[in-house]
């Protein structure tokens, strides 16, 4: 039995609206991307990048590749803090990185060489000093 034209048109219309709504929802995000470098401009692999939403406090993380590049996709629109950390370097923080819908924001980070810290552990005992005269 064939479907009446009016019902067919209604079903097609509803499917189109649902498809557009799902597609619009998938596009309601952006991305944050960038390169991590040292003071000389050389790329830094292995840098941990933490992106924190200023609205929700949600943290997303990535690690830079061999080319120093990172990307964090599917980020909700809004203001973010980008923090970069790597052993031997000072932590670098970029405030107020703002992501808009369907936008990829570039947030490059330059890490400064950190302070060298030494820890000295003494394992021996000093000899006792004799304080009496013989």
N, C-alpha and C. Protein backbone atom coordinates (compact mmCIF):
# COMPACT_ATOMS: atom_id res chain seq x y z
N UNK A 1 0.84 -1.16 0.00
CA UNK A 1 0.00 0.00 0.00
C UNK A 1 0.90 1.24 0.00
N UNK A 2 0.73 2.13 -0.93
CA UNK A 2 1.58 3.32 -1.02
C UNK A 2 1.27 4.32 0.11
N UNK A 3 2.31 5.07 0.50
CA UNK A 3 2.16 6.11 1.54
C UNK A 3 1.56 7.35 0.88
N UNK A 4 0.54 7.94 1.50
CA UNK A 4 -0.03 9.16 0.93
C UNK A 4 1.02 10.25 0.83
N UNK A 5 0.92 11.08 -0.21
CA UNK A 5 1.90 12.13 -0.47
C UNK A 5 2.09 13.08 0.70
N UNK A 6 1.03 13.44 1.34
CA UNK A 6 1.12 14.40 2.45
C UNK A 6 1.95 13.80 3.60
N UNK A 7 1.72 12.54 3.94
CA UNK A 7 2.49 11.90 5.01
C UNK A 7 3.95 11.74 4.59
N UNK A 8 4.21 11.41 3.36
CA UNK A 8 5.56 11.26 2.85
C UNK A 8 6.31 12.58 2.96
N UNK A 9 5.67 13.67 2.58
CA UNK A 9 6.30 14.99 2.64
C UNK A 9 6.60 15.36 4.08
N UNK A 10 5.70 15.03 4.99
CA UNK A 10 5.91 15.34 6.41
C UNK A 10 7.09 14.55 6.96
N UNK A 11 7.20 13.28 6.61
CA UNK A 11 8.30 12.44 7.07
C UNK A 11 9.62 12.98 6.53
N UNK A 12 9.67 13.31 5.26
CA UNK A 12 10.90 13.84 4.65
C UNK A 12 11.28 15.16 5.33
N UNK A 13 10.32 16.03 5.56
CA UNK A 13 10.58 17.31 6.21
C UNK A 13 11.18 17.09 7.60
N UNK A 14 10.60 16.19 8.39
CA UNK A 14 11.10 15.91 9.75
C UNK A 14 12.52 15.35 9.70
N UNK A 15 12.79 14.46 8.76
CA UNK A 15 14.14 13.90 8.64
C UNK A 15 15.16 14.98 8.28
N UNK A 16 14.77 15.90 7.41
CA UNK A 16 15.67 16.99 7.03
C UNK A 16 15.97 17.89 8.23
N UNK A 17 14.94 18.24 8.98
CA UNK A 17 15.13 19.09 10.16
C UNK A 17 16.02 18.41 11.18
N UNK A 18 15.80 17.13 11.44
CA UNK A 18 16.62 16.38 12.39
C UNK A 18 18.07 16.31 11.91
N UNK A 19 18.27 16.09 10.63
CA UNK A 19 19.62 16.04 10.07
C UNK A 19 20.34 17.36 10.20
N UNK A 20 19.64 18.46 9.94
CA UNK A 20 20.25 19.79 10.07
C UNK A 20 20.58 20.10 11.52
N UNK A 21 19.71 19.72 12.44
CA UNK A 21 19.95 19.98 13.86
C UNK A 21 21.17 19.20 14.34
N UNK A 22 21.30 17.96 13.92
CA UNK A 22 22.45 17.15 14.32
C UNK A 22 23.73 17.72 13.74
N UNK A 23 23.67 18.18 12.50
CA UNK A 23 24.85 18.75 11.86
C UNK A 23 25.24 20.07 12.53
N UNK A 24 24.26 20.89 12.87
CA UNK A 24 24.54 22.15 13.55
C UNK A 24 25.15 21.91 14.92
N UNK A 25 24.67 20.89 15.63
CA UNK A 25 25.23 20.56 16.94
C UNK A 25 26.67 20.13 16.85
N UNK A 26 27.01 19.40 15.80
CA UNK A 26 28.38 18.93 15.62
C UNK A 26 29.32 20.09 15.30
N UNK A 27 28.79 21.17 14.73
CA UNK A 27 29.63 22.30 14.35
C UNK A 27 29.69 23.37 15.43
N UNK A 28 29.06 23.17 16.56
CA UNK A 28 29.01 24.19 17.61
C UNK A 28 30.25 24.13 18.49
N UNK A 29 31.38 23.75 17.93
CA UNK A 29 32.64 23.69 18.66
C UNK A 29 33.72 24.38 17.85
N UNK A 30 34.87 24.52 18.47
CA UNK A 30 36.04 25.06 17.79
C UNK A 30 37.24 24.21 18.15
N UNK A 31 38.43 24.76 17.97
CA UNK A 31 39.65 24.03 18.28
C UNK A 31 40.73 25.02 18.71
N UNK A 32 41.69 24.51 19.48
CA UNK A 32 42.87 25.29 19.86
C UNK A 32 44.08 24.54 19.36
N UNK A 33 44.97 25.24 18.69
CA UNK A 33 46.15 24.61 18.10
C UNK A 33 47.34 25.55 18.25
N UNK A 34 48.54 25.00 18.15
CA UNK A 34 49.72 25.84 18.23
C UNK A 34 51.00 25.05 18.19
N UNK A 35 52.11 25.77 18.36
CA UNK A 35 53.44 25.17 18.37
C UNK A 35 54.14 25.62 19.64
N UNK A 36 54.87 24.71 20.27
CA UNK A 36 55.67 25.02 21.45
C UNK A 36 57.12 25.15 21.02
N UNK A 37 57.76 26.26 21.44
CA UNK A 37 59.16 26.51 21.08
C UNK A 37 59.96 26.90 22.31
N UNK A 38 61.30 26.83 22.16
CA UNK A 38 62.20 27.31 23.21
C UNK A 38 62.59 28.76 22.88
N UNK A 39 63.42 29.41 23.71
CA UNK A 39 63.76 30.81 23.46
C UNK A 39 64.45 31.07 22.11
N UNK A 40 65.13 30.06 21.56
CA UNK A 40 65.80 30.24 20.27
C UNK A 40 64.86 30.02 19.09
N UNK A 41 63.63 29.58 19.37
CA UNK A 41 62.66 29.33 18.30
C UNK A 41 62.61 27.88 17.85
N UNK A 42 63.44 27.02 18.45
CA UNK A 42 63.42 25.60 18.10
C UNK A 42 62.17 24.95 18.69
N UNK A 43 61.58 24.03 17.93
CA UNK A 43 60.35 23.37 18.40
C UNK A 43 60.67 22.43 19.56
N UNK A 44 59.68 22.25 20.44
CA UNK A 44 59.84 21.40 21.61
C UNK A 44 58.83 20.24 21.56
N UNK A 45 59.28 19.02 21.34
CA UNK A 45 58.38 17.87 21.44
C UNK A 45 58.17 17.49 22.89
N UNK A 46 57.05 16.83 23.17
CA UNK A 46 56.78 16.30 24.51
C UNK A 46 56.28 17.31 25.52
N UNK A 47 55.88 18.50 25.07
CA UNK A 47 55.34 19.51 25.98
C UNK A 47 53.90 19.15 26.30
N UNK A 48 53.53 19.14 27.57
CA UNK A 48 52.15 18.89 27.97
C UNK A 48 51.39 20.20 27.90
N UNK A 49 50.30 20.20 27.15
CA UNK A 49 49.45 21.37 26.99
C UNK A 49 48.13 21.07 27.70
N UNK A 50 47.78 21.91 28.68
CA UNK A 50 46.51 21.80 29.38
C UNK A 50 45.67 23.02 29.04
N UNK A 51 44.48 22.78 28.52
CA UNK A 51 43.55 23.86 28.15
C UNK A 51 42.40 23.80 29.13
N UNK A 52 42.19 24.90 29.88
CA UNK A 52 41.18 24.95 30.92
C UNK A 52 40.10 25.96 30.55
N UNK A 53 38.84 25.50 30.55
CA UNK A 53 37.72 26.39 30.29
C UNK A 53 37.55 27.33 31.46
N UNK A 54 37.50 28.65 31.20
CA UNK A 54 37.31 29.62 32.27
C UNK A 54 35.86 29.60 32.75
N UNK A 55 34.94 29.08 31.93
CA UNK A 55 33.53 29.02 32.31
C UNK A 55 33.20 27.80 33.16
N UNK A 56 33.75 26.64 32.80
CA UNK A 56 33.37 25.39 33.47
C UNK A 56 34.48 24.76 34.30
N UNK A 57 35.73 25.15 34.08
CA UNK A 57 36.85 24.53 34.78
C UNK A 57 37.29 23.22 34.17
N UNK A 58 36.63 22.78 33.09
CA UNK A 58 36.99 21.52 32.43
C UNK A 58 38.38 21.66 31.80
N UNK A 59 39.21 20.62 31.98
CA UNK A 59 40.56 20.62 31.44
C UNK A 59 40.68 19.58 30.35
N UNK A 60 41.25 19.98 29.23
CA UNK A 60 41.57 19.05 28.13
C UNK A 60 43.08 19.12 27.93
N UNK A 61 43.70 17.99 27.63
CA UNK A 61 45.16 17.95 27.51
C UNK A 61 45.61 17.34 26.20
N UNK A 62 46.83 17.73 25.80
CA UNK A 62 47.48 17.17 24.62
C UNK A 62 48.98 17.25 24.86
N UNK A 63 49.75 16.52 24.07
CA UNK A 63 51.21 16.56 24.14
C UNK A 63 51.72 16.89 22.74
N UNK A 64 52.69 17.82 22.68
CA UNK A 64 53.23 18.19 21.37
C UNK A 64 53.97 17.02 20.75
N UNK A 65 53.88 16.94 19.42
CA UNK A 65 54.56 15.89 18.68
C UNK A 65 56.01 16.27 18.39
N UNK A 66 56.67 15.48 17.57
CA UNK A 66 58.07 15.72 17.22
C UNK A 66 58.26 17.07 16.55
N UNK A 67 57.20 17.59 15.92
CA UNK A 67 57.26 18.89 15.25
C UNK A 67 56.88 20.05 16.17
N UNK A 68 56.65 19.76 17.47
CA UNK A 68 56.28 20.79 18.44
C UNK A 68 54.83 21.23 18.34
N UNK A 69 54.07 20.59 17.47
CA UNK A 69 52.69 20.99 17.19
C UNK A 69 51.70 20.26 18.09
N UNK A 70 50.64 20.95 18.50
CA UNK A 70 49.56 20.33 19.25
C UNK A 70 48.23 20.84 18.71
N UNK A 71 47.19 20.06 18.92
CA UNK A 71 45.84 20.50 18.60
C UNK A 71 44.87 19.86 19.58
N UNK A 72 43.91 20.65 20.00
CA UNK A 72 42.85 20.15 20.87
C UNK A 72 41.54 20.46 20.16
N UNK A 73 40.92 19.44 19.55
CA UNK A 73 39.70 19.65 18.78
C UNK A 73 38.45 19.62 19.65
N UNK A 74 37.33 19.97 19.05
CA UNK A 74 36.01 19.87 19.68
C UNK A 74 35.94 20.61 21.01
N UNK A 75 36.41 21.85 21.00
CA UNK A 75 36.40 22.70 22.19
C UNK A 75 35.14 23.57 22.15
N UNK A 76 34.41 23.61 23.26
CA UNK A 76 33.22 24.46 23.31
C UNK A 76 33.62 25.93 23.25
N UNK A 77 32.80 26.75 22.64
CA UNK A 77 33.11 28.18 22.56
C UNK A 77 33.24 28.81 23.95
N UNK A 78 34.14 29.79 24.07
CA UNK A 78 34.32 30.49 25.33
C UNK A 78 35.78 30.80 25.59
N UNK A 79 36.06 31.41 26.76
CA UNK A 79 37.44 31.76 27.12
C UNK A 79 38.18 30.57 27.75
N UNK A 80 39.47 30.47 27.43
CA UNK A 80 40.31 29.37 27.92
C UNK A 80 41.65 29.89 28.41
N UNK A 81 42.27 29.08 29.29
CA UNK A 81 43.65 29.29 29.70
C UNK A 81 44.45 28.14 29.09
N UNK A 82 45.60 28.45 28.49
CA UNK A 82 46.47 27.44 27.91
C UNK A 82 47.76 27.40 28.73
N UNK A 83 48.07 26.21 29.28
CA UNK A 83 49.27 26.04 30.11
C UNK A 83 50.18 25.00 29.47
N UNK A 84 51.47 25.35 29.35
CA UNK A 84 52.45 24.46 28.75
C UNK A 84 53.52 24.11 29.78
N UNK A 85 53.81 22.81 29.94
CA UNK A 85 54.81 22.36 30.91
C UNK A 85 55.74 21.33 30.28
N UNK A 86 57.02 21.44 30.64
CA UNK A 86 58.03 20.48 30.20
C UNK A 86 59.17 20.54 31.21
N UNK A 87 59.69 19.38 31.62
CA UNK A 87 60.79 19.33 32.58
C UNK A 87 61.97 20.14 32.05
N UNK A 88 62.57 20.95 32.93
CA UNK A 88 63.72 21.77 32.56
C UNK A 88 63.33 23.15 32.04
N UNK A 89 62.02 23.40 31.91
CA UNK A 89 61.52 24.69 31.43
C UNK A 89 60.50 25.24 32.42
N UNK A 90 60.38 26.56 32.43
CA UNK A 90 59.36 27.20 33.25
C UNK A 90 58.00 26.95 32.64
N UNK A 91 57.00 26.80 33.47
CA UNK A 91 55.63 26.66 32.99
C UNK A 91 55.21 27.97 32.34
N UNK A 92 54.60 27.87 31.16
CA UNK A 92 54.11 29.05 30.45
C UNK A 92 52.59 29.01 30.43
N UNK A 93 51.96 30.14 30.76
CA UNK A 93 50.50 30.22 30.77
C UNK A 93 50.04 31.36 29.88
N UNK A 94 49.09 31.06 29.00
CA UNK A 94 48.44 32.09 28.17
C UNK A 94 47.01 32.22 28.65
N UNK A 95 46.65 33.42 29.06
CA UNK A 95 45.30 33.69 29.55
C UNK A 95 44.42 34.20 28.40
N UNK A 96 43.12 34.07 28.59
CA UNK A 96 42.12 34.66 27.70
C UNK A 96 42.27 34.28 26.23
N UNK A 97 42.42 33.00 25.98
CA UNK A 97 42.36 32.48 24.61
C UNK A 97 40.89 32.19 24.35
N UNK A 98 40.28 32.94 23.44
CA UNK A 98 38.83 32.84 23.23
C UNK A 98 38.53 32.06 21.96
N UNK A 99 37.69 31.04 22.10
CA UNK A 99 37.28 30.18 20.99
C UNK A 99 35.85 30.53 20.60
N UNK A 100 35.62 30.69 19.29
CA UNK A 100 34.27 30.92 18.76
C UNK A 100 33.82 29.66 18.02
N UNK A 101 32.54 29.60 17.72
CA UNK A 101 31.98 28.44 17.02
C UNK A 101 32.66 28.29 15.66
N UNK A 102 33.06 27.05 15.35
CA UNK A 102 33.65 26.69 14.06
C UNK A 102 34.93 27.47 13.76
N UNK A 103 35.70 27.78 14.82
CA UNK A 103 36.94 28.54 14.67
C UNK A 103 38.09 27.75 15.27
N UNK A 104 39.25 27.80 14.60
CA UNK A 104 40.47 27.23 15.15
C UNK A 104 41.35 28.38 15.59
N UNK A 105 41.62 28.44 16.89
CA UNK A 105 42.41 29.52 17.47
C UNK A 105 43.85 29.06 17.59
N UNK A 106 44.77 29.93 17.18
CA UNK A 106 46.20 29.63 17.28
C UNK A 106 46.72 30.17 18.61
N UNK A 107 47.30 29.29 19.42
CA UNK A 107 47.86 29.68 20.71
C UNK A 107 49.26 29.07 20.84
N UNK A 108 50.24 29.70 20.17
CA UNK A 108 51.62 29.25 20.26
C UNK A 108 52.17 29.59 21.65
N UNK A 109 53.10 28.77 22.14
CA UNK A 109 53.70 28.99 23.45
C UNK A 109 55.22 28.93 23.32
N UNK A 110 55.90 29.83 24.02
CA UNK A 110 57.36 29.84 24.05
C UNK A 110 57.77 29.59 25.49
N UNK A 111 58.48 28.50 25.72
CA UNK A 111 58.90 28.13 27.07
C UNK A 111 60.31 28.63 27.33
N UNK A 112 60.51 29.22 28.50
CA UNK A 112 61.82 29.71 28.92
C UNK A 112 62.53 28.62 29.72
N UNK A 113 63.85 28.57 29.58
CA UNK A 113 64.63 27.58 30.31
C UNK A 113 64.41 27.81 31.81
N UNK A 114 64.19 26.72 32.53
CA UNK A 114 63.92 26.80 33.96
C UNK A 114 65.17 26.92 34.79
N UNK A 115 64.99 27.16 36.06
CA UNK A 115 66.10 27.24 37.01
C UNK A 115 66.63 25.84 37.27
N UNK A 116 67.94 25.73 37.31
CA UNK A 116 68.54 24.45 37.64
C UNK A 116 68.50 24.30 39.15
N UNK A 117 67.93 23.22 39.60
CA UNK A 117 67.85 22.97 41.04
C UNK A 117 68.69 21.75 41.38
N UNK A 118 69.45 21.89 42.44
CA UNK A 118 70.26 20.77 42.89
C UNK A 118 69.81 20.34 44.27
N UNK A 119 69.87 19.06 44.50
CA UNK A 119 69.55 18.54 45.82
C UNK A 119 70.76 17.77 46.30
N UNK A 120 71.26 18.15 47.45
CA UNK A 120 72.45 17.50 48.00
C UNK A 120 72.01 16.67 49.20
N UNK A 121 72.39 15.40 49.19
CA UNK A 121 72.09 14.52 50.30
C UNK A 121 73.41 14.07 50.92
N UNK A 122 73.58 14.30 52.21
CA UNK A 122 74.80 13.90 52.90
C UNK A 122 74.56 12.54 53.54
N UNK A 123 75.41 11.58 53.19
CA UNK A 123 75.23 10.23 53.69
C UNK A 123 76.25 9.82 54.74
N UNK A 124 77.32 10.59 54.91
CA UNK A 124 78.36 10.22 55.88
C UNK A 124 78.16 10.93 57.20
N UNK A 125 78.96 10.53 58.20
CA UNK A 125 78.94 11.19 59.50
C UNK A 125 80.31 11.82 59.72
N UNK A 126 80.31 12.96 60.35
CA UNK A 126 81.60 13.59 60.65
C UNK A 126 82.19 12.93 61.91
N UNK A 127 83.52 12.85 62.00
CA UNK A 127 84.13 12.22 63.18
C UNK A 127 83.90 13.10 64.41
N UNK A 128 83.83 12.46 65.55
CA UNK A 128 83.67 13.18 66.80
C UNK A 128 84.95 13.94 67.12
N UNK A 129 84.80 15.13 67.64
CA UNK A 129 85.95 15.93 68.04
C UNK A 129 86.20 15.73 69.52
N UNK A 130 87.43 15.41 69.86
CA UNK A 130 87.76 15.22 71.25
C UNK A 130 88.07 16.58 71.87
N UNK A 131 87.36 16.90 72.92
CA UNK A 131 87.52 18.24 73.51
C UNK A 131 88.37 18.26 74.77
N UNK A 132 88.85 17.14 75.25
CA UNK A 132 89.69 17.11 76.46
C UNK A 132 91.15 17.01 76.07
N UNK A 133 92.02 17.57 76.96
CA UNK A 133 93.48 17.49 76.72
C UNK A 133 94.04 16.28 77.44
N UNK A 134 95.00 15.67 76.94
CA UNK A 134 95.62 14.54 77.61
C UNK A 134 96.89 14.90 78.18
